């Protein structure tokens, strides 16, 4: 299972939110590039970057930071937040990003998203399935829809989609444990490389996610608050 620390960006700084609420922002690092280098020094191979400024606008905002991380480190970076155009995807890939997460746009334009998968390749795009009470949320989690998370992912299975990141918003940034039952249900109904996001609190949580069959796990606040030490993660990489 891929171990994937997260760096969320607002105004060029690494922050964490609680359940996606911007007013709950807590800054953990003023230099995200140095933070990424620290992850790499502990043997970590992957990094999940979220452009929270971009998620609330119409395109990637903190692009220069992502480009610096890709240039200075050898981390395999995936990026999300604010991806609205084919040009956004191309620009991210050109700077060295390995995978691009698409959520709101895929919900609003499913046929175009399928075209992107076919254009860039199924290894390059990840469907961001962010949900509240198992219903998809879009627009930086500001809008709840009536579409069930499993149905959202299912519409792209069979159309070359290989990866989906599933975030239970109620778990995000709460250090309350992942949504294990949700991930079991997704994997029980859909054949997909599932990346779990939200609520990881301990190494035990990671081992359980691996046993469920998750392809990857994103870890954020647990690292920043010291619940999980980087040296512990290095043993799992």
Foldseek 3Di string as FASTA:
>chain_A
DAEEEEAEDDPQFGWFAALLDPVRTDTQGNQVLVVLVVLVVLVHAAYEYEDQVLLQDQARDNQVSLLSNQVVDNHAYEYEHNPADLVRLVVNVVSRHQAYEDEQNCVVPVVVVLVSCVVVHQRHYEYEAEAEVQFGAGSSSPRTDRHGSLNSVVVCVVSRHAHYEYEHSNQAPPLQAFPLVVLLVSVVVDRHQYEYEGNDAAVVSVVSCVVSPHNYYYDYPNDSVVSDDSNNVSVVD
